[in-house]
Structure formats: C-alpha cells, structure tokens
Amino acid sequence: MATPTQSADAAEHLLTPGEVASLFRVDPKTVTRWASAGRIGSIRTPGGHRRFRESEVRSMLANLTSEALPQAPR
C-alpha cells in the first residue's frame, strides 16, 4: 500500500533532462551537471536515469526569469 508521500510523488509530473534543457535553453549535459552539483534536485529511475520534478523546475525557471527582469527605479 502506498504511503501519502509516495502517492503525492506518483502524482508529480517528472521531466527528462532533455525536457528541462529545452525549458532553460541549455544542453541536456548541463542539466545533468546541475543535478550532480546539487543546483537542482533529481530522482533516479530504477534504470539509473535522472528525472526532475516539474514543479521544482518551473519554480527555478520563474526565479531566474524574475531576477533577469529590469527592476523599477525607486
């Protein structure tokens, strides 16, 4: 029987390194390096492939794009 955390993880949409790379417009190897460096969390499949939580990726992307926007003068 699944625990509440397992069922929540199962409902979470996971992205491949290629999908994450497309969102950030970088090479998939860059995404893998980010995961190895701890800049972005990843999950390993039973086959050893990396997957990324879509909510975490979109949050990271939103933070980066909001930092890049020009700030209004004070």
N, C-alpha and C. Protein backbone atom coordinates (compact mmCIF):
# COMPACT_ATOMS: atom_id res chain seq x y z
N MET A 1 0.85 -1.19 0.00
CA MET A 1 0.00 0.00 0.00
C MET A 1 0.89 1.24 0.00
N ALA A 2 0.50 2.24 -0.76
CA ALA A 2 1.30 3.46 -0.88
C ALA A 2 1.07 4.38 0.32
N THR A 3 2.14 4.99 0.77
CA THR A 3 2.03 5.99 1.83
C THR A 3 1.63 7.31 1.21
N PRO A 4 1.18 8.28 2.01
CA PRO A 4 0.78 9.57 1.43
C PRO A 4 1.89 10.24 0.63
N THR A 5 3.14 10.14 1.07
CA THR A 5 4.23 10.78 0.33
C THR A 5 4.47 10.07 -0.99
N GLN A 6 4.34 8.75 -1.01
CA GLN A 6 4.54 8.03 -2.26
C GLN A 6 3.45 8.38 -3.26
N SER A 7 2.21 8.49 -2.82
CA SER A 7 1.13 8.81 -3.75
C SER A 7 1.27 10.24 -4.26
N ALA A 8 1.76 11.16 -3.42
CA ALA A 8 2.00 12.53 -3.87
C ALA A 8 3.11 12.57 -4.90
N ASP A 9 4.20 11.80 -4.68
CA ASP A 9 5.29 11.75 -5.64
C ASP A 9 4.83 11.14 -6.96
N ALA A 10 3.96 10.13 -6.87
CA ALA A 10 3.48 9.48 -8.08
C ALA A 10 2.64 10.44 -8.91
N ALA A 11 1.94 11.38 -8.27
CA ALA A 11 1.11 12.33 -8.99
C ALA A 11 1.94 13.45 -9.60
N GLU A 12 3.15 13.65 -9.08
CA GLU A 12 4.03 14.71 -9.59
C GLU A 12 4.53 14.35 -10.98
N HIS A 13 4.45 15.29 -11.90
CA HIS A 13 4.93 15.05 -13.26
C HIS A 13 6.45 15.18 -13.27
N LEU A 14 7.12 14.20 -13.86
CA LEU A 14 8.58 14.20 -13.92
C LEU A 14 9.04 14.52 -15.34
N LEU A 15 10.13 15.27 -15.42
CA LEU A 15 10.70 15.67 -16.70
C LEU A 15 12.05 14.99 -16.92
N THR A 16 12.37 14.74 -18.17
CA THR A 16 13.67 14.18 -18.53
C THR A 16 14.69 15.32 -18.60
N PRO A 17 15.98 15.00 -18.59
CA PRO A 17 16.98 16.05 -18.75
C PRO A 17 16.79 16.84 -20.05
N GLY A 18 16.38 16.19 -21.10
CA GLY A 18 16.15 16.87 -22.37
C GLY A 18 15.01 17.88 -22.28
N GLU A 19 13.95 17.52 -21.57
CA GLU A 19 12.82 18.44 -21.41
C GLU A 19 13.21 19.65 -20.57
N VAL A 20 13.98 19.41 -19.50
CA VAL A 20 14.46 20.50 -18.66
C VAL A 20 15.39 21.40 -19.47
N ALA A 21 16.26 20.79 -20.25
CA ALA A 21 17.20 21.55 -21.08
C ALA A 21 16.45 22.45 -22.06
N SER A 22 15.37 21.97 -22.62
CA SER A 22 14.58 22.78 -23.55
C SER A 22 13.99 24.01 -22.86
N LEU A 23 13.53 23.83 -21.63
CA LEU A 23 12.95 24.95 -20.89
C LEU A 23 13.99 26.03 -20.59
N PHE A 24 15.21 25.59 -20.25
CA PHE A 24 16.27 26.54 -19.89
C PHE A 24 17.12 26.94 -21.09
N ARG A 25 16.88 26.29 -22.23
CA ARG A 25 17.65 26.54 -23.46
C ARG A 25 19.14 26.29 -23.24
N VAL A 26 19.42 25.12 -22.67
CA VAL A 26 20.79 24.66 -22.46
C VAL A 26 20.90 23.23 -22.97
N ASP A 27 22.10 22.69 -22.97
CA ASP A 27 22.35 21.31 -23.37
C ASP A 27 21.91 20.37 -22.24
N PRO A 28 21.37 19.19 -22.56
CA PRO A 28 20.99 18.24 -21.51
C PRO A 28 22.15 17.87 -20.56
N LYS A 29 23.39 17.88 -21.06
CA LYS A 29 24.55 17.60 -20.20
C LYS A 29 24.68 18.68 -19.11
N THR A 30 24.30 19.91 -19.43
CA THR A 30 24.34 20.99 -18.45
C THR A 30 23.36 20.70 -17.31
N VAL A 31 22.18 20.21 -17.65
CA VAL A 31 21.18 19.87 -16.64
C VAL A 31 21.71 18.76 -15.74
N THR A 32 22.37 17.78 -16.32
CA THR A 32 22.96 16.69 -15.55
C THR A 32 24.04 17.22 -14.62
N ARG A 33 24.85 18.15 -15.08
CA ARG A 33 25.88 18.76 -14.22
C ARG A 33 25.25 19.54 -13.07
N TRP A 34 24.15 20.26 -13.36
CA TRP A 34 23.45 20.98 -12.29
C TRP A 34 22.97 20.02 -11.22
N ALA A 35 22.44 18.88 -11.64
CA ALA A 35 21.95 17.89 -10.69
C ALA A 35 23.10 17.31 -9.87
N SER A 36 24.22 17.03 -10.51
CA SER A 36 25.38 16.49 -9.80
C SER A 36 25.93 17.50 -8.80
N ALA A 37 25.83 18.79 -9.13
CA ALA A 37 26.34 19.84 -8.25
C ALA A 37 25.33 20.22 -7.16
N GLY A 38 24.11 19.68 -7.24
CA GLY A 38 23.09 19.98 -6.24
C GLY A 38 22.31 21.25 -6.50
N ARG A 39 22.45 21.83 -7.67
CA ARG A 39 21.71 23.06 -8.00
C ARG A 39 20.25 22.79 -8.26
N ILE A 40 19.93 21.54 -8.66
CA ILE A 40 18.55 21.15 -8.92
C ILE A 40 18.39 19.70 -8.47
N GLY A 41 17.28 19.42 -7.82
CA GLY A 41 17.04 18.07 -7.32
C GLY A 41 16.66 17.12 -8.43
N SER A 42 17.05 15.87 -8.27
CA SER A 42 16.69 14.87 -9.28
C SER A 42 16.35 13.56 -8.58
N ILE A 43 15.64 12.75 -9.32
CA ILE A 43 15.25 11.41 -8.88
C ILE A 43 15.88 10.44 -9.86
N ARG A 44 16.34 9.32 -9.37
CA ARG A 44 16.89 8.29 -10.25
C ARG A 44 15.84 7.21 -10.47
N THR A 45 15.65 6.82 -11.72
CA THR A 45 14.75 5.72 -12.04
C THR A 45 15.45 4.41 -11.71
N PRO A 46 14.73 3.32 -11.66
CA PRO A 46 15.39 2.02 -11.42
C PRO A 46 16.48 1.72 -12.44
N GLY A 47 16.36 2.27 -13.63
CA GLY A 47 17.37 2.07 -14.68
C GLY A 47 18.54 3.03 -14.58
N GLY A 48 18.50 3.96 -13.59
CA GLY A 48 19.61 4.88 -13.38
C GLY A 48 19.49 6.21 -14.10
N HIS A 49 18.37 6.44 -14.77
CA HIS A 49 18.17 7.71 -15.47
C HIS A 49 17.67 8.78 -14.51
N ARG A 50 18.02 10.02 -14.78
CA ARG A 50 17.57 11.13 -13.94
C ARG A 50 16.21 11.64 -14.41
N ARG A 51 15.40 12.02 -13.44
CA ARG A 51 14.14 12.68 -13.71
C ARG A 51 14.03 13.85 -12.75
N PHE A 52 13.33 14.90 -13.17
CA PHE A 52 13.23 16.13 -12.40
C PHE A 52 11.77 16.48 -12.16
N ARG A 53 11.46 16.91 -10.93
CA ARG A 53 10.09 17.29 -10.62
C ARG A 53 9.74 18.58 -11.37
N GLU A 54 8.63 18.53 -12.10
CA GLU A 54 8.24 19.68 -12.91
C GLU A 54 8.01 20.92 -12.05
N SER A 55 7.40 20.76 -10.89
CA SER A 55 7.13 21.92 -10.03
C SER A 55 8.43 22.60 -9.59
N GLU A 56 9.45 21.81 -9.26
CA GLU A 56 10.74 22.37 -8.85
C GLU A 56 11.42 23.08 -10.03
N VAL A 57 11.35 22.48 -11.20
CA VAL A 57 11.98 23.06 -12.39
C VAL A 57 11.30 24.38 -12.74
N ARG A 58 9.97 24.40 -12.73
CA ARG A 58 9.25 25.62 -13.09
C ARG A 58 9.49 26.72 -12.05
N SER A 59 9.61 26.35 -10.79
CA SER A 59 9.91 27.33 -9.75
C SER A 59 11.30 27.93 -9.97
N MET A 60 12.27 27.09 -10.27
CA MET A 60 13.63 27.56 -10.53
C MET A 60 13.66 28.47 -11.75
N LEU A 61 12.93 28.10 -12.79
CA LEU A 61 12.86 28.91 -14.00
C LEU A 61 12.21 30.26 -13.72
N ALA A 62 11.14 30.27 -12.93
CA ALA A 62 10.46 31.52 -12.59
C ALA A 62 11.39 32.44 -11.79
N ASN A 63 12.14 31.87 -10.85
CA ASN A 63 13.08 32.67 -10.06
C ASN A 63 14.16 33.28 -10.95
N LEU A 64 14.68 32.52 -11.88
CA LEU A 64 15.73 33.03 -12.75
C LEU A 64 15.21 34.11 -13.69
N THR A 65 14.00 33.92 -14.21
CA THR A 65 13.47 34.92 -15.14
C THR A 65 13.07 36.19 -14.40
N SER A 66 12.59 36.08 -13.17
CA SER A 66 12.23 37.29 -12.42
C SER A 66 13.49 38.07 -12.03
N GLU A 67 14.59 37.39 -11.79
CA GLU A 67 15.86 38.06 -11.49
C GLU A 67 16.40 38.79 -12.71
N ALA A 68 16.10 38.29 -13.89
CA ALA A 68 16.62 38.87 -15.13
C ALA A 68 15.81 40.08 -15.59
N LEU A 69 14.60 40.24 -15.07
CA LEU A 69 13.78 41.38 -15.48
C LEU A 69 14.32 42.67 -14.90
N PRO A 70 14.23 43.76 -15.65
CA PRO A 70 14.72 45.04 -15.12
C PRO A 70 13.87 45.47 -13.94
N GLN A 71 14.52 46.00 -12.93
CA GLN A 71 13.84 46.47 -11.73
C GLN A 71 13.39 47.91 -11.92
N ALA A 72 12.23 48.25 -11.37
CA ALA A 72 11.72 49.62 -11.45
C ALA A 72 12.58 50.52 -10.56
N PRO A 73 12.85 51.74 -11.01
CA PRO A 73 13.64 52.67 -10.18
C PRO A 73 12.89 53.02 -8.90
N ARG A 74 13.63 53.22 -7.82
CA ARG A 74 12.99 53.53 -6.53
C ARG A 74 12.94 54.99 -6.27
